[in-house]
Amino acid sequence: MGLTVGIDIGGTKIAAGVVDEQGRILARVRAATPGRDAEQVEEKVSEMVLALRKDHDIEAVGIGAAGFVDEKRSRVNFAPNLGWKDEPLRMAVESVVGLPVVVENDANAAAWGEYRFGAGKDRDYVVTITVGTGIGAGIILEGALYRGRWGAAAEFG
């Protein structure tokens, strides 16, 4: 796989970056979160991807979103910081950017990134705590992301 755009949707900002297979960040963009309206946020995310795509051969998009995420459908079931319920984030962004999109809980995505490329590299067990508008955590157990019975393991605030 080639280059990927990684996106973090926060309560106050959206950050996006182009990442290569070794985890190197090649480009970054950042914008204020345009409110709690899902369509406005999806438009801003899509704009950011399209802007990065002008200068980079992007193959896929990964989005980290706060709250409870259905990883199988890449849908945000509930995002308390944004007030979203049952939001089809993957479908909305894919339809605009024309690339495969995966949506994951933001803390889980951060934990996976640390496991693959950061402080947790070459470790079997990793816990990552994220602090922003909310507080979250992601857990890696024996090299696998731990979601728990309801898909919300380590979510606490």
N, C-alpha and C. Protein backbone atom coordinates (compact mmCIF):
# COMPACT_ATOMS: atom_id res chain seq x y z
N MET A 1 0.84 -1.18 0.00
CA MET A 1 0.00 0.00 0.00
C MET A 1 0.89 1.24 0.00
N GLY A 2 0.42 2.29 -0.63
CA GLY A 2 1.18 3.52 -0.73
C GLY A 2 0.85 4.50 0.36
N LEU A 3 0.44 5.69 -0.03
CA LEU A 3 0.19 6.77 0.91
C LEU A 3 -1.26 6.75 1.40
N THR A 4 -1.41 7.13 2.66
CA THR A 4 -2.72 7.19 3.30
C THR A 4 -2.90 8.57 3.92
N VAL A 5 -4.11 9.07 3.92
CA VAL A 5 -4.43 10.27 4.68
C VAL A 5 -5.02 9.81 6.00
N GLY A 6 -4.42 10.26 7.09
CA GLY A 6 -4.96 10.02 8.42
C GLY A 6 -5.61 11.29 8.93
N ILE A 7 -6.81 11.16 9.48
CA ILE A 7 -7.57 12.33 9.92
C ILE A 7 -8.04 12.13 11.35
N ASP A 8 -7.89 13.18 12.16
CA ASP A 8 -8.39 13.19 13.53
C ASP A 8 -9.47 14.26 13.62
N ILE A 9 -10.71 13.83 13.85
CA ILE A 9 -11.81 14.77 14.01
C ILE A 9 -11.99 15.03 15.50
N GLY A 10 -11.69 16.24 15.92
CA GLY A 10 -11.84 16.60 17.32
C GLY A 10 -12.99 17.57 17.52
N GLY A 11 -13.27 17.88 18.75
CA GLY A 11 -14.35 18.80 19.07
C GLY A 11 -14.07 20.22 18.64
N THR A 12 -12.78 20.60 18.53
CA THR A 12 -12.43 21.97 18.14
C THR A 12 -11.60 22.06 16.88
N LYS A 13 -10.95 20.95 16.49
CA LYS A 13 -10.11 20.99 15.29
C LYS A 13 -10.15 19.66 14.55
N ILE A 14 -9.83 19.76 13.25
CA ILE A 14 -9.65 18.57 12.41
C ILE A 14 -8.22 18.63 11.91
N ALA A 15 -7.46 17.58 12.14
CA ALA A 15 -6.08 17.50 11.67
C ALA A 15 -5.98 16.36 10.68
N ALA A 16 -5.25 16.59 9.60
CA ALA A 16 -5.07 15.55 8.58
C ALA A 16 -3.62 15.54 8.14
N GLY A 17 -3.14 14.35 7.81
CA GLY A 17 -1.77 14.22 7.34
C GLY A 17 -1.63 13.09 6.36
N VAL A 18 -0.67 13.24 5.46
CA VAL A 18 -0.32 12.18 4.52
C VAL A 18 0.77 11.35 5.18
N VAL A 19 0.57 10.03 5.22
CA VAL A 19 1.48 9.13 5.90
C VAL A 19 1.91 8.04 4.94
N ASP A 20 3.22 7.70 4.97
CA ASP A 20 3.69 6.61 4.12
C ASP A 20 3.67 5.29 4.89
N GLU A 21 4.12 4.22 4.24
CA GLU A 21 4.06 2.87 4.84
C GLU A 21 4.94 2.71 6.08
N GLN A 22 5.92 3.60 6.24
CA GLN A 22 6.79 3.55 7.41
C GLN A 22 6.30 4.46 8.54
N GLY A 23 5.16 5.10 8.34
CA GLY A 23 4.60 5.97 9.36
C GLY A 23 5.14 7.39 9.33
N ARG A 24 5.90 7.73 8.30
CA ARG A 24 6.42 9.10 8.19
C ARG A 24 5.32 10.04 7.71
N ILE A 25 5.21 11.17 8.36
CA ILE A 25 4.23 12.18 7.97
C ILE A 25 4.86 13.06 6.90
N LEU A 26 4.26 13.08 5.72
CA LEU A 26 4.81 13.81 4.59
C LEU A 26 4.18 15.19 4.41
N ALA A 27 2.97 15.37 4.88
CA ALA A 27 2.28 16.66 4.77
C ALA A 27 1.20 16.72 5.83
N ARG A 28 0.88 17.94 6.27
CA ARG A 28 -0.15 18.14 7.29
C ARG A 28 -1.03 19.33 6.93
N VAL A 29 -2.29 19.23 7.30
CA VAL A 29 -3.21 20.37 7.24
C VAL A 29 -4.08 20.33 8.49
N ARG A 30 -4.60 21.49 8.84
CA ARG A 30 -5.41 21.58 10.05
C ARG A 30 -6.49 22.63 9.82
N ALA A 31 -7.65 22.40 10.40
CA ALA A 31 -8.75 23.37 10.28
C ALA A 31 -9.60 23.30 11.54
N ALA A 32 -10.31 24.36 11.81
CA ALA A 32 -11.25 24.36 12.93
C ALA A 32 -12.42 23.44 12.58
N THR A 33 -12.91 22.72 13.57
CA THR A 33 -14.12 21.92 13.37
C THR A 33 -15.27 22.90 13.15
N PRO A 34 -15.98 22.77 12.03
CA PRO A 34 -17.00 23.77 11.68
C PRO A 34 -18.33 23.58 12.41
N GLY A 35 -18.29 23.31 13.68
CA GLY A 35 -19.52 23.13 14.45
C GLY A 35 -19.86 21.67 14.63
N ARG A 36 -21.08 21.42 15.06
CA ARG A 36 -21.52 20.06 15.38
C ARG A 36 -22.31 19.40 14.26
N ASP A 37 -22.60 20.14 13.21
CA ASP A 37 -23.37 19.59 12.10
C ASP A 37 -22.53 18.58 11.32
N ALA A 38 -23.00 17.35 11.23
CA ALA A 38 -22.23 16.27 10.60
C ALA A 38 -21.91 16.58 9.14
N GLU A 39 -22.85 17.11 8.40
CA GLU A 39 -22.61 17.40 6.98
C GLU A 39 -21.50 18.42 6.80
N GLN A 40 -21.46 19.44 7.64
CA GLN A 40 -20.39 20.44 7.55
C GLN A 40 -19.04 19.82 7.86
N VAL A 41 -18.98 18.96 8.87
CA VAL A 41 -17.73 18.30 9.23
C VAL A 41 -17.29 17.38 8.09
N GLU A 42 -18.21 16.61 7.54
CA GLU A 42 -17.89 15.71 6.43
C GLU A 42 -17.39 16.49 5.22
N GLU A 43 -17.99 17.64 4.94
CA GLU A 43 -17.52 18.49 3.84
C GLU A 43 -16.10 18.97 4.08
N LYS A 44 -15.81 19.42 5.31
CA LYS A 44 -14.48 19.91 5.64
C LYS A 44 -13.45 18.79 5.53
N VAL A 45 -13.78 17.61 6.05
CA VAL A 45 -12.87 16.46 5.94
C VAL A 45 -12.61 16.14 4.48
N SER A 46 -13.65 16.10 3.67
CA SER A 46 -13.49 15.80 2.24
C SER A 46 -12.63 16.85 1.55
N GLU A 47 -12.85 18.13 1.86
CA GLU A 47 -12.02 19.21 1.30
C GLU A 47 -10.55 19.00 1.62
N MET A 48 -10.28 18.63 2.87
CA MET A 48 -8.90 18.44 3.31
C MET A 48 -8.25 17.28 2.56
N VAL A 49 -8.99 16.18 2.38
CA VAL A 49 -8.46 15.04 1.64
C VAL A 49 -8.17 15.44 0.20
N LEU A 50 -9.11 16.11 -0.43
CA LEU A 50 -8.93 16.52 -1.83
C LEU A 50 -7.75 17.47 -1.98
N ALA A 51 -7.55 18.37 -1.02
CA ALA A 51 -6.40 19.28 -1.07
C ALA A 51 -5.08 18.51 -0.97
N LEU A 52 -5.01 17.54 -0.07
CA LEU A 52 -3.80 16.74 0.08
C LEU A 52 -3.57 15.85 -1.14
N ARG A 53 -4.64 15.44 -1.76
CA ARG A 53 -4.56 14.55 -2.92
C ARG A 53 -3.97 15.26 -4.15
N LYS A 54 -4.04 16.58 -4.18
CA LYS A 54 -3.49 17.33 -5.31
C LYS A 54 -1.98 17.11 -5.46
N ASP A 55 -1.29 16.97 -4.32
CA ASP A 55 0.17 16.85 -4.34
C ASP A 55 0.69 15.46 -3.99
N HIS A 56 -0.21 14.52 -3.67
CA HIS A 56 0.21 13.20 -3.23
C HIS A 56 -0.69 12.13 -3.83
N ASP A 57 -0.11 10.99 -4.13
CA ASP A 57 -0.84 9.86 -4.70
C ASP A 57 -1.46 9.05 -3.56
N ILE A 58 -2.61 9.47 -3.10
CA ILE A 58 -3.28 8.87 -1.95
C ILE A 58 -4.06 7.64 -2.39
N GLU A 59 -3.96 6.57 -1.58
CA GLU A 59 -4.68 5.33 -1.88
C GLU A 59 -5.84 5.05 -0.95
N ALA A 60 -5.82 5.63 0.26
CA ALA A 60 -6.87 5.34 1.23
C ALA A 60 -6.91 6.44 2.28
N VAL A 61 -8.01 6.44 3.04
CA VAL A 61 -8.22 7.44 4.09
C VAL A 61 -8.60 6.71 5.37
N GLY A 62 -7.99 7.09 6.48
CA GLY A 62 -8.36 6.60 7.80
C GLY A 62 -8.82 7.76 8.65
N ILE A 63 -9.97 7.63 9.28
CA ILE A 63 -10.53 8.71 10.08
C ILE A 63 -10.70 8.24 11.52
N GLY A 64 -10.16 9.02 12.45
CA GLY A 64 -10.38 8.79 13.87
C GLY A 64 -11.44 9.76 14.36
N ALA A 65 -12.51 9.23 14.92
CA ALA A 65 -13.60 10.06 15.42
C ALA A 65 -13.88 9.71 16.87
N ALA A 66 -14.09 10.72 17.69
CA ALA A 66 -14.39 10.49 19.10
C ALA A 66 -15.75 9.81 19.24
N GLY A 67 -15.87 9.00 20.26
CA GLY A 67 -17.16 8.38 20.54
C GLY A 67 -17.20 6.91 20.20
N PHE A 68 -18.40 6.40 20.09
CA PHE A 68 -18.61 4.98 19.82
C PHE A 68 -18.73 4.77 18.32
N VAL A 69 -17.83 3.96 17.78
CA VAL A 69 -17.75 3.74 16.34
C VAL A 69 -18.02 2.27 16.05
N ASP A 70 -18.89 2.01 15.10
CA ASP A 70 -19.13 0.65 14.59
C ASP A 70 -18.06 0.40 13.55
N GLU A 71 -17.01 -0.32 13.93
CA GLU A 71 -15.86 -0.50 13.02
C GLU A 71 -16.22 -1.32 11.79
N LYS A 72 -17.22 -2.18 11.87
CA LYS A 72 -17.59 -2.99 10.70
C LYS A 72 -18.24 -2.13 9.62
N ARG A 73 -19.06 -1.18 10.03
CA ARG A 73 -19.75 -0.31 9.06
C ARG A 73 -19.06 1.05 8.92
N SER A 74 -18.00 1.29 9.70
CA SER A 74 -17.31 2.58 9.70
C SER A 74 -18.30 3.73 9.87
N ARG A 75 -19.12 3.58 10.88
CA ARG A 75 -20.20 4.52 11.17
C ARG A 75 -20.04 4.99 12.62
N VAL A 76 -20.31 6.25 12.87
CA VAL A 76 -20.24 6.77 14.23
C VAL A 76 -21.61 6.57 14.88
N ASN A 77 -21.66 5.65 15.85
CA ASN A 77 -22.92 5.38 16.54
C ASN A 77 -23.32 6.53 17.46
N PHE A 78 -22.32 7.07 18.18
CA PHE A 78 -22.59 8.18 19.09
C PHE A 78 -21.30 8.93 19.35
N ALA A 79 -21.32 10.22 19.11
CA ALA A 79 -20.16 11.09 19.37
C ALA A 79 -20.61 12.22 20.28
N PRO A 80 -20.39 12.09 21.58
CA PRO A 80 -20.91 13.09 22.52
C PRO A 80 -20.35 14.49 22.29
N ASN A 81 -19.09 14.60 21.89
CA ASN A 81 -18.50 15.93 21.68
C ASN A 81 -19.12 16.67 20.50
N LEU A 82 -19.62 15.90 19.53
CA LEU A 82 -20.21 16.51 18.34
C LEU A 82 -21.73 16.37 18.29
N GLY A 83 -22.29 15.57 19.18
CA GLY A 83 -23.73 15.39 19.20
C GLY A 83 -24.25 14.50 18.08
N TRP A 84 -23.39 13.65 17.53
CA TRP A 84 -23.80 12.79 16.42
C TRP A 84 -24.40 11.49 16.93
N LYS A 85 -25.37 10.97 16.17
CA LYS A 85 -25.93 9.64 16.43
C LYS A 85 -26.12 8.95 15.09
N ASP A 86 -25.59 7.73 14.99
CA ASP A 86 -25.74 6.88 13.80
C ASP A 86 -25.37 7.63 12.51
N GLU A 87 -24.18 8.21 12.50
CA GLU A 87 -23.72 9.01 11.36
C GLU A 87 -22.89 8.16 10.40
N PRO A 88 -23.30 8.06 9.12
CA PRO A 88 -22.58 7.24 8.13
C PRO A 88 -21.34 7.96 7.59
N LEU A 89 -20.37 8.21 8.44
CA LEU A 89 -19.20 9.01 8.11
C LEU A 89 -18.42 8.45 6.93
N ARG A 90 -18.16 7.15 6.94
CA ARG A 90 -17.40 6.54 5.84
C ARG A 90 -18.08 6.80 4.50
N MET A 91 -19.36 6.49 4.41
CA MET A 91 -20.09 6.64 3.14
C MET A 91 -20.08 8.09 2.67
N ALA A 92 -20.25 9.02 3.60
CA ALA A 92 -20.30 10.44 3.23
C ALA A 92 -18.98 10.90 2.63
N VAL A 93 -17.87 10.52 3.24
CA VAL A 93 -16.56 10.96 2.75
C VAL A 93 -16.16 10.19 1.49
N GLU A 94 -16.38 8.87 1.48
CA GLU A 94 -16.05 8.07 0.29
C GLU A 94 -16.74 8.59 -0.97
N SER A 95 -17.99 8.99 -0.82
CA SER A 95 -18.75 9.43 -1.99
C SER A 95 -18.18 10.70 -2.61
N VAL A 96 -17.48 11.50 -1.83
CA VAL A 96 -16.89 12.73 -2.34
C VAL A 96 -15.46 12.52 -2.82
N VAL A 97 -14.64 11.80 -2.04
CA VAL A 97 -13.21 11.70 -2.38
C VAL A 97 -12.88 10.55 -3.31
N GLY A 98 -13.78 9.56 -3.43
CA GLY A 98 -13.55 8.45 -4.35
C GLY A 98 -12.42 7.53 -3.95
N LEU A 99 -12.16 7.43 -2.65
CA LEU A 99 -11.13 6.54 -2.12
C LEU A 99 -11.74 5.68 -1.02
N PRO A 100 -11.14 4.51 -0.74
CA PRO A 100 -11.61 3.72 0.40
C PRO A 100 -11.37 4.47 1.71
N VAL A 101 -12.36 4.44 2.58
CA VAL A 101 -12.29 5.14 3.87
C VAL A 101 -12.59 4.15 4.98
N VAL A 102 -11.82 4.23 6.06
CA VAL A 102 -12.07 3.45 7.26
C VAL A 102 -12.25 4.43 8.41
N VAL A 103 -13.24 4.19 9.25
CA VAL A 103 -13.48 5.04 10.41
C VAL A 103 -13.27 4.20 11.67
N GLU A 104 -12.55 4.76 12.62
CA GLU A 104 -12.26 4.08 13.88
C GLU A 104 -12.38 5.10 15.01
N ASN A 105 -12.62 4.63 16.19
CA ASN A 105 -12.58 5.50 17.37
C ASN A 105 -11.21 6.17 17.41
N ASP A 106 -11.17 7.46 17.75
CA ASP A 106 -9.91 8.21 17.70
C ASP A 106 -8.84 7.66 18.64
N ALA A 107 -9.22 7.25 19.83
CA ALA A 107 -8.24 6.71 20.77
C ALA A 107 -7.72 5.35 20.30
N ASN A 108 -8.59 4.54 19.72
CA ASN A 108 -8.14 3.26 19.15
C ASN A 108 -7.17 3.50 18.01
N ALA A 109 -7.49 4.48 17.16
CA ALA A 109 -6.59 4.80 16.04
C ALA A 109 -5.24 5.28 16.55
N ALA A 110 -5.24 6.09 17.59
CA ALA A 110 -3.99 6.57 18.18
C ALA A 110 -3.18 5.40 18.75
N ALA A 111 -3.86 4.49 19.44
CA ALA A 111 -3.17 3.32 20.00
C ALA A 111 -2.56 2.47 18.90
N TRP A 112 -3.30 2.27 17.82
CA TRP A 112 -2.79 1.47 16.71
C TRP A 112 -1.57 2.15 16.07
N GLY A 113 -1.63 3.47 15.93
CA GLY A 113 -0.50 4.21 15.38
C GLY A 113 0.74 4.09 16.26
N GLU A 114 0.56 4.19 17.56
CA GLU A 114 1.70 4.02 18.48
C GLU A 114 2.24 2.59 18.43
N TYR A 115 1.34 1.64 18.32
CA TYR A 115 1.75 0.23 18.23
C TYR A 115 2.56 -0.02 16.95
N ARG A 116 2.10 0.52 15.84
CA ARG A 116 2.77 0.28 14.56
C ARG A 116 4.06 1.07 14.39
N PHE A 117 4.03 2.36 14.79
CA PHE A 117 5.12 3.25 14.41
C PHE A 117 5.74 4.04 15.56
N GLY A 118 5.15 4.05 16.73
CA GLY A 118 5.60 4.95 17.79
C GLY A 118 6.15 4.25 19.02
N ALA A 119 5.77 4.76 20.18
CA ALA A 119 6.30 4.29 21.45
C ALA A 119 5.97 2.83 21.73
N GLY A 120 4.94 2.29 21.10
CA GLY A 120 4.55 0.90 21.33
C GLY A 120 5.09 -0.08 20.30
N LYS A 121 5.93 0.40 19.39
CA LYS A 121 6.47 -0.49 18.36
C LYS A 121 7.25 -1.63 19.00
N ASP A 122 7.05 -2.83 18.48
CA ASP A 122 7.69 -4.05 18.98
C ASP A 122 7.23 -4.44 20.38
N ARG A 123 6.08 -3.98 20.80
CA ARG A 123 5.49 -4.36 22.09
C ARG A 123 4.21 -5.15 21.83
N ASP A 124 3.90 -6.08 22.70
CA ASP A 124 2.67 -6.86 22.57
C ASP A 124 1.48 -6.19 23.24
N TYR A 125 1.76 -5.34 24.22
CA TYR A 125 0.70 -4.70 25.00
C TYR A 125 0.94 -3.19 25.03
N VAL A 126 -0.07 -2.44 24.63
CA VAL A 126 0.05 -0.98 24.58
C VAL A 126 -1.26 -0.37 25.08
N VAL A 127 -1.15 0.65 25.90
CA VAL A 127 -2.30 1.45 26.31
C VAL A 127 -1.98 2.90 25.93
N THR A 128 -2.87 3.53 25.21
CA THR A 128 -2.71 4.92 24.82
C THR A 128 -3.89 5.71 25.38
N ILE A 129 -3.59 6.80 26.06
CA ILE A 129 -4.63 7.67 26.59
C ILE A 129 -4.60 8.97 25.80
N THR A 130 -5.77 9.39 25.32
CA THR A 130 -5.88 10.62 24.55
C THR A 130 -6.64 11.65 25.37
N VAL A 131 -6.14 12.88 25.35
CA VAL A 131 -6.78 13.96 26.08
C VAL A 131 -6.96 15.13 25.12
N GLY A 132 -8.19 15.55 24.95
CA GLY A 132 -8.52 16.67 24.08
C GLY A 132 -9.79 17.29 24.60
N THR A 133 -10.77 17.47 23.73
CA THR A 133 -12.08 17.93 24.17
C THR A 133 -12.68 16.88 25.11
N GLY A 134 -12.36 15.61 24.87
CA GLY A 134 -12.77 14.50 25.73
C GLY A 134 -11.54 13.70 26.12
N ILE A 135 -11.76 12.61 26.83
CA ILE A 135 -10.68 11.71 27.24
C ILE A 135 -11.03 10.32 26.74
N GLY A 136 -10.07 9.64 26.15
CA GLY A 136 -10.30 8.29 25.66
C GLY A 136 -9.06 7.44 25.84
N ALA A 137 -9.17 6.19 25.52
CA ALA A 137 -8.03 5.29 25.59
C ALA A 137 -8.20 4.18 24.57
N GLY A 138 -7.08 3.69 24.09
CA GLY A 138 -7.06 2.55 23.19
C GLY A 138 -6.13 1.50 23.77
N ILE A 139 -6.47 0.24 23.58
CA ILE A 139 -5.70 -0.86 24.16
C ILE A 139 -5.32 -1.85 23.07
N ILE A 140 -4.06 -2.23 23.05
CA ILE A 140 -3.56 -3.29 22.18
C ILE A 140 -3.17 -4.46 23.08
N LEU A 141 -3.75 -5.63 22.84
CA LEU A 141 -3.44 -6.84 23.59
C LEU A 141 -2.91 -7.89 22.64
N GLU A 142 -1.70 -8.34 22.88
CA GLU A 142 -1.06 -9.36 22.04
C GLU A 142 -1.15 -9.01 20.56
N GLY A 143 -0.90 -7.74 20.25
CA GLY A 143 -0.85 -7.29 18.87
C GLY A 143 -2.19 -7.04 18.20
N ALA A 144 -3.29 -7.07 18.96
CA ALA A 144 -4.61 -6.84 18.38
C ALA A 144 -5.32 -5.73 19.15
N LEU A 145 -6.07 -4.92 18.42
CA LEU A 145 -6.86 -3.86 19.04
C LEU A 145 -7.98 -4.50 19.87
N TYR A 146 -8.08 -4.11 21.13
CA TYR A 146 -9.11 -4.65 22.01
C TYR A 146 -10.30 -3.69 22.03
N ARG A 147 -11.44 -4.17 21.60
CA ARG A 147 -12.64 -3.34 21.54
C ARG A 147 -13.63 -3.64 22.67
N GLY A 148 -13.54 -4.79 23.26
CA GLY A 148 -14.49 -5.15 24.30
C GLY A 148 -15.80 -5.65 23.72
N ARG A 149 -16.66 -6.10 24.59
CA ARG A 149 -17.92 -6.72 24.18
C ARG A 149 -18.81 -5.79 23.36
N TRP A 150 -18.87 -4.52 23.72
CA TRP A 150 -19.76 -3.57 23.04
C TRP A 150 -19.00 -2.61 22.13
N GLY A 151 -17.72 -2.86 21.92
CA GLY A 151 -16.94 -2.00 21.04
C GLY A 151 -16.52 -0.69 21.67
N ALA A 152 -16.57 -0.61 22.98
CA ALA A 152 -16.25 0.65 23.65
C ALA A 152 -15.28 0.44 24.81
N ALA A 153 -14.40 -0.55 24.71
CA ALA A 153 -13.43 -0.80 25.77
C ALA A 153 -12.58 0.45 25.98
N ALA A 154 -12.30 0.79 27.20
CA ALA A 154 -11.42 1.89 27.61
C ALA A 154 -12.00 3.28 27.38
N GLU A 155 -13.25 3.38 26.97
CA GLU A 155 -13.86 4.71 26.83
C GLU A 155 -14.32 5.17 28.21
N PHE A 156 -13.87 6.36 28.61
CA PHE A 156 -14.23 6.80 29.95
C PHE A 156 -14.51 8.28 30.10
N GLY A 157 -14.57 9.04 29.04
CA GLY A 157 -14.92 10.43 29.27
C GLY A 157 -14.77 11.32 28.09
